[in-house]
Amino acid sequence: MAADSGTPLCTWAQFTSGAFADLARNYTDVNVQSALLLEASREVETVCDRRLMPFANLVETQRAEALDVEDALDAYVPLDPTSQLGFSRAQSLGSTLLVRHFWVRETPPRYQDMWTGSISGIQLFRSFSGQQSVVSSTWQFEPDTGHVRFQLGTFVPPGTTIQVTYSGGYSTVPANLVRASKLMTAWLIVRELAPSQQTRDPELLRGEAVASLAGYTRQ
């Protein structure tokens, strides 16, 4: 199994630049520092039920469901050759209600301008008529909402398994996420040091971090 890796939500310099500098004075090994920051960032992601650190080539699968009625093709309209072929294929198989929309799971809950995202590939696994790699020119992706629209005529009948490979995450980490990550890092250190509960309660640190993440938590 590959080791966990990623770019933590705060750097060691950010963590030690304020009140937590004394708390971290014995953590001099760079590898230990990196592991601690990564663990804290993963804890933040766990609380929010979201990927917030930059991620690459995440593979996600979902079932194609429903149809936006505003996109229903009830009348014949001029189509480009690719769309016409897909629509004709659907008609030949007795299926004209094709799914045109789906949403990826990982999107920015706040500060969309600091988020980057892109899709590198989409595979369709249909219960009939086989498997298909969707050409990138036939989908539209909106990283801020996670919405993906298939070009009219792309053969995606309801029930198709959609497998999407995509990347995303905060390229610039919002300040309140940095703060939450610092609190989580301090919580991990205090728990590891196991001081007297009468002087430092580590759960107070975690509680402050969780409270600051309320706006990022998946609903």
N, C-alpha and C. Protein backbone atom coordinates (compact mmCIF):
# COMPACT_ATOMS: atom_id res chain seq x y z
N MET A 1 0.85 -1.20 0.00
CA MET A 1 0.00 0.00 0.00
C MET A 1 0.88 1.24 0.00
N ALA A 2 0.56 2.20 -0.88
CA ALA A 2 1.35 3.42 -0.98
C ALA A 2 1.13 4.29 0.25
N ALA A 3 2.19 5.00 0.64
CA ALA A 3 2.09 5.90 1.79
C ALA A 3 1.24 7.10 1.43
N ASP A 4 0.54 7.62 2.43
CA ASP A 4 -0.28 8.81 2.21
C ASP A 4 0.63 9.98 1.86
N SER A 5 0.20 10.79 0.94
CA SER A 5 0.98 11.96 0.54
C SER A 5 0.04 13.09 0.17
N GLY A 6 0.55 14.28 0.15
CA GLY A 6 -0.26 15.44 -0.20
C GLY A 6 0.42 16.71 0.26
N THR A 7 -0.20 17.82 -0.08
CA THR A 7 0.31 19.13 0.33
C THR A 7 -0.56 19.64 1.47
N PRO A 8 -0.04 19.65 2.71
CA PRO A 8 -0.85 20.04 3.86
C PRO A 8 -1.45 21.44 3.72
N LEU A 9 -2.50 21.68 4.49
CA LEU A 9 -3.21 22.95 4.42
C LEU A 9 -2.44 24.09 5.07
N CYS A 10 -1.44 23.77 5.88
CA CYS A 10 -0.55 24.81 6.39
C CYS A 10 0.87 24.29 6.40
N THR A 11 1.82 25.18 6.35
CA THR A 11 3.24 24.81 6.36
C THR A 11 3.75 24.81 7.80
N TRP A 12 4.92 24.21 8.00
CA TRP A 12 5.52 24.22 9.33
C TRP A 12 5.88 25.64 9.76
N ALA A 13 6.30 26.45 8.80
CA ALA A 13 6.62 27.85 9.11
C ALA A 13 5.38 28.60 9.58
N GLN A 14 4.24 28.33 8.95
CA GLN A 14 3.00 28.96 9.39
C GLN A 14 2.60 28.48 10.78
N PHE A 15 2.78 27.21 11.04
CA PHE A 15 2.40 26.65 12.34
C PHE A 15 3.24 27.21 13.47
N THR A 16 4.53 27.39 13.21
CA THR A 16 5.46 27.81 14.28
C THR A 16 5.67 29.32 14.32
N SER A 17 4.91 30.06 13.53
CA SER A 17 5.13 31.51 13.48
C SER A 17 4.43 32.27 14.61
N GLY A 18 3.60 31.56 15.37
CA GLY A 18 2.86 32.25 16.43
C GLY A 18 2.96 31.54 17.76
N ALA A 19 1.80 31.42 18.41
CA ALA A 19 1.75 30.91 19.79
C ALA A 19 2.15 29.45 19.91
N PHE A 20 2.12 28.70 18.81
CA PHE A 20 2.42 27.27 18.88
C PHE A 20 3.90 26.96 18.69
N ALA A 21 4.74 27.97 18.56
CA ALA A 21 6.17 27.75 18.34
C ALA A 21 6.79 26.95 19.47
N ASP A 22 6.46 27.31 20.70
CA ASP A 22 7.04 26.61 21.85
C ASP A 22 6.54 25.17 21.91
N LEU A 23 5.28 24.96 21.53
CA LEU A 23 4.71 23.62 21.56
C LEU A 23 5.46 22.68 20.61
N ALA A 24 5.98 23.24 19.51
CA ALA A 24 6.61 22.41 18.47
C ALA A 24 8.13 22.39 18.55
N ARG A 25 8.69 22.91 19.63
CA ARG A 25 10.14 23.09 19.68
C ARG A 25 10.93 21.78 19.60
N ASN A 26 10.34 20.66 20.04
CA ASN A 26 11.06 19.39 20.02
C ASN A 26 10.87 18.61 18.72
N TYR A 27 10.07 19.13 17.81
CA TYR A 27 9.83 18.46 16.54
C TYR A 27 10.77 19.04 15.49
N THR A 28 11.98 18.48 15.44
CA THR A 28 13.01 19.03 14.55
C THR A 28 13.20 18.20 13.29
N ASP A 29 12.69 16.99 13.25
CA ASP A 29 12.83 16.14 12.07
C ASP A 29 11.82 16.58 11.01
N VAL A 30 12.32 16.87 9.81
CA VAL A 30 11.47 17.38 8.73
C VAL A 30 10.40 16.36 8.35
N ASN A 31 10.75 15.09 8.33
CA ASN A 31 9.79 14.05 7.97
C ASN A 31 8.65 13.96 9.01
N VAL A 32 9.01 14.09 10.27
CA VAL A 32 8.01 14.06 11.33
C VAL A 32 7.10 15.28 11.22
N GLN A 33 7.68 16.43 10.93
CA GLN A 33 6.89 17.65 10.75
C GLN A 33 5.89 17.48 9.61
N SER A 34 6.37 16.96 8.48
CA SER A 34 5.50 16.77 7.31
C SER A 34 4.37 15.80 7.61
N ALA A 35 4.71 14.71 8.29
CA ALA A 35 3.69 13.70 8.62
C ALA A 35 2.64 14.28 9.57
N LEU A 36 3.08 15.10 10.50
CA LEU A 36 2.16 15.70 11.47
C LEU A 36 1.21 16.68 10.77
N LEU A 37 1.75 17.50 9.89
CA LEU A 37 0.92 18.46 9.16
C LEU A 37 -0.08 17.75 8.24
N LEU A 38 0.38 16.67 7.61
CA LEU A 38 -0.51 15.91 6.73
C LEU A 38 -1.63 15.25 7.52
N GLU A 39 -1.29 14.69 8.68
CA GLU A 39 -2.31 14.05 9.51
C GLU A 39 -3.35 15.08 9.96
N ALA A 40 -2.89 16.26 10.32
CA ALA A 40 -3.82 17.31 10.74
C ALA A 40 -4.73 17.72 9.59
N SER A 41 -4.17 17.83 8.39
CA SER A 41 -4.96 18.22 7.22
C SER A 41 -5.98 17.14 6.88
N ARG A 42 -5.59 15.88 7.01
CA ARG A 42 -6.55 14.79 6.78
C ARG A 42 -7.67 14.83 7.82
N GLU A 43 -7.33 15.21 9.05
CA GLU A 43 -8.36 15.32 10.08
C GLU A 43 -9.36 16.43 9.72
N VAL A 44 -8.84 17.52 9.20
CA VAL A 44 -9.72 18.61 8.74
C VAL A 44 -10.64 18.10 7.64
N GLU A 45 -10.09 17.36 6.69
CA GLU A 45 -10.90 16.82 5.59
C GLU A 45 -11.94 15.84 6.11
N THR A 46 -11.58 15.06 7.11
CA THR A 46 -12.52 14.10 7.69
C THR A 46 -13.69 14.81 8.36
N VAL A 47 -13.40 15.87 9.10
CA VAL A 47 -14.45 16.64 9.75
C VAL A 47 -15.41 17.22 8.70
N CYS A 48 -14.85 17.72 7.60
CA CYS A 48 -15.66 18.38 6.57
C CYS A 48 -16.27 17.38 5.59
N ASP A 49 -15.80 16.13 5.58
CA ASP A 49 -16.22 15.14 4.60
C ASP A 49 -15.96 15.66 3.18
N ARG A 50 -14.78 16.28 3.00
CA ARG A 50 -14.39 16.84 1.70
C ARG A 50 -12.89 16.67 1.48
N ARG A 51 -12.50 16.64 0.23
CA ARG A 51 -11.09 16.77 -0.12
C ARG A 51 -10.80 18.26 -0.27
N LEU A 52 -9.88 18.78 0.50
CA LEU A 52 -9.54 20.20 0.47
C LEU A 52 -8.11 20.45 0.03
N MET A 53 -7.20 19.52 0.35
CA MET A 53 -5.84 19.62 -0.18
C MET A 53 -5.86 19.32 -1.68
N PRO A 54 -4.92 19.86 -2.44
CA PRO A 54 -4.86 19.53 -3.86
C PRO A 54 -4.74 18.02 -4.07
N PHE A 55 -5.55 17.49 -4.98
CA PHE A 55 -5.50 16.06 -5.29
C PHE A 55 -5.42 15.89 -6.80
N ALA A 56 -4.86 14.76 -7.22
CA ALA A 56 -4.66 14.52 -8.65
C ALA A 56 -5.18 13.13 -9.02
N ASN A 57 -5.86 13.08 -10.15
CA ASN A 57 -6.31 11.80 -10.74
C ASN A 57 -7.15 10.98 -9.77
N LEU A 58 -8.07 11.64 -9.11
CA LEU A 58 -9.03 10.94 -8.28
C LEU A 58 -10.04 10.24 -9.19
N VAL A 59 -10.25 8.94 -8.98
CA VAL A 59 -11.20 8.17 -9.78
C VAL A 59 -12.49 8.02 -8.99
N GLU A 60 -13.59 8.46 -9.60
CA GLU A 60 -14.88 8.46 -8.94
C GLU A 60 -15.91 7.82 -9.87
N THR A 61 -16.77 6.99 -9.32
CA THR A 61 -17.81 6.37 -10.14
C THR A 61 -19.18 6.71 -9.59
N GLN A 62 -20.13 6.80 -10.48
CA GLN A 62 -21.51 7.05 -10.08
C GLN A 62 -22.46 6.54 -11.15
N ARG A 63 -23.69 6.40 -10.76
CA ARG A 63 -24.72 5.89 -11.67
C ARG A 63 -25.43 7.06 -12.33
N ALA A 64 -25.55 7.00 -13.65
CA ALA A 64 -26.24 8.04 -14.39
C ALA A 64 -27.74 7.94 -14.13
N GLU A 65 -28.31 9.02 -13.60
CA GLU A 65 -29.73 9.03 -13.26
C GLU A 65 -30.39 10.30 -13.76
N ALA A 66 -31.68 10.20 -13.99
CA ALA A 66 -32.54 11.34 -14.27
C ALA A 66 -32.17 12.05 -15.56
N LEU A 67 -33.01 12.98 -15.92
CA LEU A 67 -32.81 13.78 -17.12
C LEU A 67 -33.39 15.15 -16.85
N ASP A 68 -32.61 16.17 -17.13
CA ASP A 68 -33.10 17.53 -17.01
C ASP A 68 -34.13 17.76 -18.11
N VAL A 69 -35.39 17.99 -17.71
CA VAL A 69 -36.46 18.08 -18.71
C VAL A 69 -36.24 19.22 -19.68
N GLU A 70 -35.51 20.24 -19.27
CA GLU A 70 -35.24 21.34 -20.18
C GLU A 70 -34.31 20.93 -21.31
N ASP A 71 -33.60 19.81 -21.12
CA ASP A 71 -32.70 19.33 -22.14
C ASP A 71 -33.29 18.17 -22.92
N ALA A 72 -34.53 17.81 -22.64
CA ALA A 72 -35.15 16.70 -23.36
C ALA A 72 -35.31 17.07 -24.83
N LEU A 73 -34.93 16.15 -25.69
CA LEU A 73 -34.97 16.41 -27.12
C LEU A 73 -36.28 15.87 -27.68
N ASP A 74 -37.34 16.70 -27.57
CA ASP A 74 -38.66 16.27 -28.04
C ASP A 74 -38.88 16.60 -29.51
N ALA A 75 -38.05 17.47 -30.04
CA ALA A 75 -38.20 17.86 -31.43
C ALA A 75 -36.86 17.70 -32.13
N TYR A 76 -36.90 17.43 -33.40
CA TYR A 76 -35.67 17.31 -34.18
C TYR A 76 -35.09 18.70 -34.43
N VAL A 77 -33.85 18.87 -34.07
CA VAL A 77 -33.18 20.14 -34.27
C VAL A 77 -31.87 19.85 -34.99
N PRO A 78 -31.28 20.84 -35.63
CA PRO A 78 -30.00 20.61 -36.30
C PRO A 78 -28.94 20.16 -35.31
N LEU A 79 -28.24 19.07 -35.61
CA LEU A 79 -27.19 18.53 -34.74
C LEU A 79 -25.89 18.45 -35.52
N ASP A 80 -24.77 18.55 -34.80
CA ASP A 80 -23.50 18.31 -35.47
C ASP A 80 -23.37 16.81 -35.72
N PRO A 81 -22.42 16.38 -36.57
CA PRO A 81 -22.33 14.95 -36.94
C PRO A 81 -22.18 14.00 -35.76
N THR A 82 -21.35 14.37 -34.75
CA THR A 82 -21.15 13.50 -33.59
C THR A 82 -22.45 13.33 -32.81
N SER A 83 -23.16 14.43 -32.59
CA SER A 83 -24.42 14.36 -31.86
C SER A 83 -25.46 13.57 -32.63
N GLN A 84 -25.51 13.76 -33.95
CA GLN A 84 -26.49 13.05 -34.76
C GLN A 84 -26.25 11.55 -34.71
N LEU A 85 -24.97 11.14 -34.74
CA LEU A 85 -24.65 9.71 -34.66
C LEU A 85 -25.10 9.14 -33.32
N GLY A 86 -24.82 9.87 -32.22
CA GLY A 86 -25.22 9.39 -30.91
C GLY A 86 -26.72 9.30 -30.76
N PHE A 87 -27.41 10.30 -31.27
CA PHE A 87 -28.87 10.30 -31.18
C PHE A 87 -29.46 9.17 -32.02
N SER A 88 -28.91 8.97 -33.21
CA SER A 88 -29.39 7.90 -34.08
C SER A 88 -29.17 6.54 -33.44
N ARG A 89 -28.01 6.39 -32.78
CA ARG A 89 -27.72 5.12 -32.11
C ARG A 89 -28.72 4.87 -30.99
N ALA A 90 -29.02 5.93 -30.23
CA ALA A 90 -29.99 5.78 -29.15
C ALA A 90 -31.36 5.36 -29.70
N GLN A 91 -31.77 5.98 -30.80
CA GLN A 91 -33.05 5.63 -31.40
C GLN A 91 -33.08 4.19 -31.85
N SER A 92 -31.97 3.72 -32.43
CA SER A 92 -31.93 2.35 -32.95
C SER A 92 -32.04 1.33 -31.83
N LEU A 93 -31.65 1.72 -30.61
CA LEU A 93 -31.73 0.82 -29.46
C LEU A 93 -32.96 1.09 -28.61
N GLY A 94 -33.82 1.97 -29.10
CA GLY A 94 -35.07 2.24 -28.40
C GLY A 94 -34.91 3.08 -27.16
N SER A 95 -33.85 3.89 -27.08
CA SER A 95 -33.62 4.72 -25.90
C SER A 95 -33.27 6.13 -26.37
N THR A 96 -34.18 7.08 -26.17
CA THR A 96 -33.91 8.46 -26.57
C THR A 96 -33.77 9.40 -25.38
N LEU A 97 -34.14 8.96 -24.17
CA LEU A 97 -33.98 9.80 -22.99
C LEU A 97 -32.58 9.59 -22.42
N LEU A 98 -31.63 10.36 -22.90
CA LEU A 98 -30.23 10.19 -22.52
C LEU A 98 -29.84 11.17 -21.43
N VAL A 99 -29.04 10.70 -20.48
CA VAL A 99 -28.56 11.55 -19.39
C VAL A 99 -27.51 12.51 -19.93
N ARG A 100 -27.64 13.77 -19.56
CA ARG A 100 -26.70 14.76 -20.07
C ARG A 100 -25.93 15.46 -18.95
N HIS A 101 -26.27 15.22 -17.70
CA HIS A 101 -25.65 15.95 -16.60
C HIS A 101 -25.22 15.00 -15.49
N PHE A 102 -24.09 15.31 -14.86
CA PHE A 102 -23.74 14.71 -13.58
C PHE A 102 -22.83 15.66 -12.84
N TRP A 103 -22.62 15.41 -11.56
CA TRP A 103 -21.81 16.28 -10.71
C TRP A 103 -20.73 15.46 -10.01
N VAL A 104 -19.49 15.92 -10.08
CA VAL A 104 -18.42 15.28 -9.33
C VAL A 104 -18.59 15.64 -7.85
N ARG A 105 -18.02 14.82 -6.98
CA ARG A 105 -18.25 14.99 -5.54
C ARG A 105 -17.41 16.12 -4.94
N GLU A 106 -16.19 16.27 -5.41
CA GLU A 106 -15.27 17.20 -4.75
C GLU A 106 -15.29 18.57 -5.43
N THR A 107 -15.88 19.54 -4.75
CA THR A 107 -16.00 20.90 -5.26
C THR A 107 -15.68 21.88 -4.12
N PRO A 108 -15.40 23.13 -4.45
CA PRO A 108 -15.07 24.09 -3.38
C PRO A 108 -16.31 24.53 -2.61
N PRO A 109 -16.35 24.32 -1.29
CA PRO A 109 -17.49 24.76 -0.50
C PRO A 109 -17.51 26.28 -0.30
N ARG A 110 -16.34 26.89 -0.37
CA ARG A 110 -16.17 28.34 -0.21
C ARG A 110 -15.02 28.79 -1.10
N TYR A 111 -15.01 30.08 -1.44
CA TYR A 111 -13.88 30.70 -2.13
C TYR A 111 -13.49 29.95 -3.41
N GLN A 112 -14.45 29.89 -4.33
CA GLN A 112 -14.24 29.16 -5.58
C GLN A 112 -13.08 29.71 -6.40
N ASP A 113 -12.77 31.00 -6.22
CA ASP A 113 -11.68 31.60 -6.99
C ASP A 113 -10.31 31.07 -6.58
N MET A 114 -10.22 30.42 -5.42
CA MET A 114 -8.95 29.86 -4.96
C MET A 114 -8.80 28.38 -5.32
N TRP A 115 -9.81 27.83 -5.98
CA TRP A 115 -9.86 26.40 -6.30
C TRP A 115 -9.52 26.17 -7.77
N THR A 116 -8.79 25.12 -8.05
CA THR A 116 -8.55 24.71 -9.43
C THR A 116 -9.07 23.29 -9.61
N GLY A 117 -9.56 23.00 -10.81
CA GLY A 117 -10.08 21.66 -11.08
C GLY A 117 -10.09 21.36 -12.56
N SER A 118 -9.89 20.10 -12.90
CA SER A 118 -9.91 19.68 -14.30
C SER A 118 -10.21 18.19 -14.37
N ILE A 119 -10.81 17.79 -15.48
CA ILE A 119 -11.10 16.37 -15.74
C ILE A 119 -10.12 15.85 -16.77
N SER A 120 -9.53 14.70 -16.47
CA SER A 120 -8.59 14.11 -17.42
C SER A 120 -9.19 12.96 -18.22
N GLY A 121 -10.33 12.43 -17.79
CA GLY A 121 -10.94 11.35 -18.55
C GLY A 121 -12.29 10.94 -18.00
N ILE A 122 -13.18 10.51 -18.90
CA ILE A 122 -14.49 9.98 -18.51
C ILE A 122 -14.72 8.68 -19.26
N GLN A 123 -15.05 7.63 -18.51
CA GLN A 123 -15.38 6.33 -19.08
C GLN A 123 -16.84 6.02 -18.79
N LEU A 124 -17.53 5.49 -19.78
CA LEU A 124 -18.91 5.06 -19.61
C LEU A 124 -18.97 3.54 -19.66
N PHE A 125 -19.63 2.94 -18.68
CA PHE A 125 -19.84 1.50 -18.64
C PHE A 125 -21.35 1.26 -18.67
N ARG A 126 -21.84 0.89 -19.83
CA ARG A 126 -23.28 0.72 -20.01
C ARG A 126 -23.67 -0.73 -19.75
N SER A 127 -24.91 -0.91 -19.31
CA SER A 127 -25.40 -2.26 -19.07
C SER A 127 -25.61 -3.01 -20.39
N PHE A 128 -25.65 -2.25 -21.47
CA PHE A 128 -25.69 -2.85 -22.81
C PHE A 128 -24.92 -1.92 -23.73
N SER A 129 -24.50 -2.44 -24.85
CA SER A 129 -23.79 -1.66 -25.86
C SER A 129 -22.39 -1.25 -25.42
N GLY A 130 -21.83 -1.91 -24.41
CA GLY A 130 -20.41 -1.81 -24.13
C GLY A 130 -19.91 -0.58 -23.40
N GLN A 131 -18.59 -0.40 -23.48
CA GLN A 131 -17.84 0.62 -22.77
C GLN A 131 -17.38 1.69 -23.76
N GLN A 132 -17.24 2.93 -23.26
CA GLN A 132 -16.84 4.02 -24.14
C GLN A 132 -16.00 5.04 -23.38
N SER A 133 -14.92 5.48 -24.00
CA SER A 133 -14.16 6.64 -23.49
C SER A 133 -14.73 7.88 -24.15
N VAL A 134 -15.14 8.84 -23.34
CA VAL A 134 -15.77 10.04 -23.88
C VAL A 134 -14.70 11.04 -24.29
N VAL A 135 -14.79 11.53 -25.51
CA VAL A 135 -13.82 12.50 -26.02
C VAL A 135 -13.97 13.82 -25.27
N SER A 136 -12.85 14.42 -24.90
CA SER A 136 -12.89 15.62 -24.05
C SER A 136 -13.65 16.78 -24.68
N SER A 137 -13.71 16.82 -26.00
CA SER A 137 -14.41 17.91 -26.67
C SER A 137 -15.93 17.78 -26.55
N THR A 138 -16.41 16.66 -26.00
CA THR A 138 -17.86 16.44 -25.92
C THR A 138 -18.40 16.58 -24.49
N TRP A 139 -17.60 17.14 -23.58
CA TRP A 139 -18.14 17.45 -22.25
C TRP A 139 -17.74 18.87 -21.85
N GLN A 140 -18.51 19.44 -20.96
CA GLN A 140 -18.22 20.74 -20.37
C GLN A 140 -18.13 20.56 -18.87
N PHE A 141 -17.09 21.13 -18.24
CA PHE A 141 -16.87 20.96 -16.81
C PHE A 141 -16.81 22.32 -16.15
N GLU A 142 -17.55 22.45 -15.04
CA GLU A 142 -17.55 23.67 -14.25
C GLU A 142 -16.95 23.36 -12.88
N PRO A 143 -15.66 23.65 -12.66
CA PRO A 143 -14.99 23.27 -11.41
C PRO A 143 -15.62 23.88 -10.16
N ASP A 144 -16.23 25.06 -10.28
CA ASP A 144 -16.77 25.71 -9.08
C ASP A 144 -18.01 25.01 -8.55
N THR A 145 -18.78 24.36 -9.42
CA THR A 145 -19.99 23.65 -8.98
C THR A 145 -19.85 22.13 -9.10
N GLY A 146 -18.85 21.66 -9.86
CA GLY A 146 -18.70 20.23 -10.10
C GLY A 146 -19.61 19.70 -11.18
N HIS A 147 -20.32 20.58 -11.87
CA HIS A 147 -21.27 20.17 -12.90
C HIS A 147 -20.55 19.78 -14.19
N VAL A 148 -20.97 18.63 -14.74
CA VAL A 148 -20.46 18.17 -16.03
C VAL A 148 -21.66 17.97 -16.96
N ARG A 149 -21.56 18.53 -18.16
CA ARG A 149 -22.62 18.37 -19.15
C ARG A 149 -22.06 17.63 -20.36
N PHE A 150 -22.76 16.57 -20.76
CA PHE A 150 -22.39 15.86 -21.97
C PHE A 150 -22.99 16.57 -23.19
N GLN A 151 -22.24 16.56 -24.28
CA GLN A 151 -22.76 17.12 -25.53
C GLN A 151 -24.00 16.36 -25.96
N LEU A 152 -24.95 17.09 -26.53
CA LEU A 152 -26.18 16.49 -27.01
C LEU A 152 -25.87 15.34 -27.96
N GLY A 153 -26.47 14.18 -27.67
CA GLY A 153 -26.25 13.02 -28.52
C GLY A 153 -25.26 12.01 -27.94
N THR A 154 -24.48 12.40 -26.92
CA THR A 154 -23.58 11.43 -26.28
C THR A 154 -24.43 10.31 -25.68
N PHE A 155 -24.07 9.08 -25.98
CA PHE A 155 -24.93 7.94 -25.65
C PHE A 155 -24.73 7.52 -24.19
N VAL A 156 -25.54 8.15 -23.30
CA VAL A 156 -25.48 7.85 -21.86
C VAL A 156 -26.89 7.52 -21.38
N PRO A 157 -27.36 6.31 -21.60
CA PRO A 157 -28.69 5.94 -21.11
C PRO A 157 -28.71 5.87 -19.59
N PRO A 158 -29.88 6.11 -18.96
CA PRO A 158 -29.98 5.98 -17.50
C PRO A 158 -29.51 4.60 -17.04
N GLY A 159 -28.78 4.57 -15.93
CA GLY A 159 -28.24 3.32 -15.42
C GLY A 159 -26.79 3.09 -15.79
N THR A 160 -26.28 3.91 -16.71
CA THR A 160 -24.86 3.82 -17.09
C THR A 160 -23.97 4.15 -15.89
N THR A 161 -22.88 3.41 -15.73
CA THR A 161 -21.88 3.78 -14.72
C THR A 161 -20.92 4.77 -15.34
N ILE A 162 -20.81 5.94 -14.72
CA ILE A 162 -19.89 6.99 -15.18
C ILE A 162 -18.66 6.96 -14.29
N GLN A 163 -17.50 6.77 -14.90
CA GLN A 163 -16.24 6.79 -14.15
C GLN A 163 -15.44 8.00 -14.61
N VAL A 164 -15.23 8.93 -13.71
CA VAL A 164 -14.54 10.17 -14.06
C VAL A 164 -13.23 10.25 -13.29
N THR A 165 -12.17 10.67 -13.96
CA THR A 165 -10.87 10.90 -13.35
C THR A 165 -10.60 12.39 -13.37
N TYR A 166 -10.42 12.98 -12.19
CA TYR A 166 -10.26 14.43 -12.16
C TYR A 166 -9.33 14.87 -11.04
N SER A 167 -8.94 16.13 -11.13
CA SER A 167 -8.03 16.73 -10.15
C SER A 167 -8.66 18.02 -9.63
N GLY A 168 -8.23 18.45 -8.45
CA GLY A 168 -8.78 19.68 -7.89
C GLY A 168 -8.14 20.01 -6.55
N GLY A 169 -8.76 20.94 -5.85
CA GLY A 169 -8.26 21.34 -4.54
C GLY A 169 -7.93 22.82 -4.48
N TYR A 170 -7.71 23.30 -3.28
CA TYR A 170 -7.35 24.71 -3.09
C TYR A 170 -5.88 24.92 -3.47
N SER A 171 -5.66 25.68 -4.53
CA SER A 171 -4.29 26.04 -4.90
C SER A 171 -3.76 27.13 -3.97
N THR A 172 -4.66 27.98 -3.52
CA THR A 172 -4.36 28.95 -2.46
C THR A 172 -5.29 28.62 -1.30
N VAL A 173 -4.72 28.30 -0.15
CA VAL A 173 -5.53 27.85 0.98
C VAL A 173 -6.13 29.05 1.70
N PRO A 174 -7.46 29.11 1.86
CA PRO A 174 -8.08 30.21 2.60
C PRO A 174 -7.54 30.30 4.02
N ALA A 175 -7.46 31.51 4.53
CA ALA A 175 -6.83 31.75 5.83
C ALA A 175 -7.51 30.98 6.96
N ASN A 176 -8.85 30.84 6.90
CA ASN A 176 -9.52 30.13 8.00
C ASN A 176 -9.25 28.63 7.95
N LEU A 177 -8.96 28.09 6.76
CA LEU A 177 -8.55 26.69 6.68
C LEU A 177 -7.14 26.50 7.23
N VAL A 178 -6.28 27.47 6.97
CA VAL A 178 -4.93 27.42 7.55
C VAL A 178 -5.02 27.42 9.07
N ARG A 179 -5.87 28.28 9.58
CA ARG A 179 -6.05 28.37 11.04
C ARG A 179 -6.57 27.06 11.62
N ALA A 180 -7.55 26.48 10.95
CA ALA A 180 -8.10 25.20 11.42
C ALA A 180 -7.04 24.11 11.41
N SER A 181 -6.21 24.11 10.38
CA SER A 181 -5.14 23.11 10.28
C SER A 181 -4.11 23.31 11.40
N LYS A 182 -3.81 24.55 11.73
CA LYS A 182 -2.87 24.82 12.83
C LYS A 182 -3.44 24.30 14.16
N LEU A 183 -4.72 24.53 14.39
CA LEU A 183 -5.35 24.04 15.62
C LEU A 183 -5.35 22.52 15.68
N MET A 184 -5.61 21.88 14.54
CA MET A 184 -5.60 20.42 14.50
C MET A 184 -4.18 19.88 14.75
N THR A 185 -3.19 20.57 14.21
CA THR A 185 -1.80 20.14 14.43
C THR A 185 -1.46 20.27 15.92
N ALA A 186 -1.85 21.37 16.53
CA ALA A 186 -1.60 21.56 17.96
C ALA A 186 -2.32 20.49 18.78
N TRP A 187 -3.53 20.15 18.38
CA TRP A 187 -4.30 19.10 19.07
C TRP A 187 -3.55 17.77 19.03
N LEU A 188 -2.99 17.42 17.86
CA LEU A 188 -2.25 16.17 17.75
C LEU A 188 -1.01 16.17 18.64
N ILE A 189 -0.31 17.31 18.69
CA ILE A 189 0.91 17.39 19.51
C ILE A 189 0.57 17.28 20.99
N VAL A 190 -0.44 18.01 21.43
CA VAL A 190 -0.81 17.98 22.85
C VAL A 190 -1.25 16.59 23.25
N ARG A 191 -2.00 15.91 22.38
CA ARG A 191 -2.41 14.53 22.68
C ARG A 191 -1.19 13.61 22.77
N GLU A 192 -0.22 13.86 21.89
CA GLU A 192 0.98 13.02 21.88
C GLU A 192 1.82 13.26 23.13
N LEU A 193 1.88 14.50 23.56
CA LEU A 193 2.66 14.82 24.76
C LEU A 193 1.93 14.40 26.03
N ALA A 194 0.60 14.25 25.94
CA ALA A 194 -0.25 13.83 27.07
C ALA A 194 -0.01 14.65 28.32
N PRO A 195 -0.19 15.98 28.23
CA PRO A 195 -0.03 16.81 29.44
C PRO A 195 -1.21 16.64 30.38
N SER A 196 -1.10 17.23 31.53
CA SER A 196 -2.20 17.18 32.49
C SER A 196 -3.43 17.87 31.91
N GLN A 197 -4.57 17.22 32.06
CA GLN A 197 -5.82 17.81 31.57
C GLN A 197 -6.14 19.11 32.31
N GLN A 198 -5.55 19.33 33.46
CA GLN A 198 -5.83 20.54 34.21
C GLN A 198 -5.10 21.75 33.63
N THR A 199 -4.08 21.53 32.84
CA THR A 199 -3.32 22.66 32.28
C THR A 199 -3.65 22.87 30.81
N ARG A 200 -3.75 21.79 30.04
CA ARG A 200 -4.05 21.91 28.62
C ARG A 200 -4.98 20.77 28.21
N ASP A 201 -6.16 21.10 27.81
CA ASP A 201 -7.09 20.09 27.33
C ASP A 201 -7.02 20.06 25.80
N PRO A 202 -6.49 19.00 25.22
CA PRO A 202 -6.36 18.96 23.75
C PRO A 202 -7.68 19.04 23.02
N GLU A 203 -8.75 18.58 23.67
CA GLU A 203 -10.05 18.60 23.01
C GLU A 203 -10.57 20.02 22.80
N LEU A 204 -10.09 20.97 23.62
CA LEU A 204 -10.47 22.36 23.39
C LEU A 204 -9.91 22.86 22.07
N LEU A 205 -8.68 22.44 21.75
CA LEU A 205 -8.07 22.83 20.48
C LEU A 205 -8.84 22.24 19.31
N ARG A 206 -9.19 20.95 19.42
CA ARG A 206 -9.93 20.31 18.34
C ARG A 206 -11.33 20.93 18.20
N GLY A 207 -11.94 21.24 19.32
CA GLY A 207 -13.26 21.86 19.29
C GLY A 207 -13.24 23.21 18.57
N GLU A 208 -12.19 24.00 18.81
CA GLU A 208 -12.06 25.28 18.11
C GLU A 208 -11.89 25.06 16.61
N ALA A 209 -11.10 24.06 16.24
CA ALA A 209 -10.89 23.76 14.83
C ALA A 209 -12.19 23.34 14.16
N VAL A 210 -12.93 22.44 14.81
CA VAL A 210 -14.19 21.95 14.24
C VAL A 210 -15.18 23.11 14.09
N ALA A 211 -15.24 23.98 15.08
CA ALA A 211 -16.16 25.12 15.01
C ALA A 211 -15.82 26.03 13.84
N SER A 212 -14.53 26.22 13.58
CA SER A 212 -14.13 27.11 12.48
C SER A 212 -14.37 26.50 11.11
N LEU A 213 -14.63 25.19 11.08
CA LEU A 213 -14.85 24.49 9.80
C LEU A 213 -16.32 24.37 9.44
N ALA A 214 -17.20 24.98 10.21
CA ALA A 214 -18.63 24.82 9.98
C ALA A 214 -19.03 25.19 8.55
N GLY A 215 -18.42 26.21 8.02
CA GLY A 215 -18.78 26.64 6.67
C GLY A 215 -18.25 25.76 5.56
N TYR A 216 -17.39 24.81 5.90
CA TYR A 216 -16.81 23.91 4.90
C TYR A 216 -17.41 22.51 4.94
N THR A 217 -18.20 22.22 5.97
CA THR A 217 -18.70 20.87 6.17
C THR A 217 -19.76 20.51 5.15
N ARG A 218 -19.64 19.32 4.58
CA ARG A 218 -20.63 18.88 3.59
C ARG A 218 -21.97 18.67 4.26
N GLN A 219 -23.00 19.19 3.64
CA GLN A 219 -24.35 19.08 4.19
C GLN A 219 -25.04 17.82 3.67
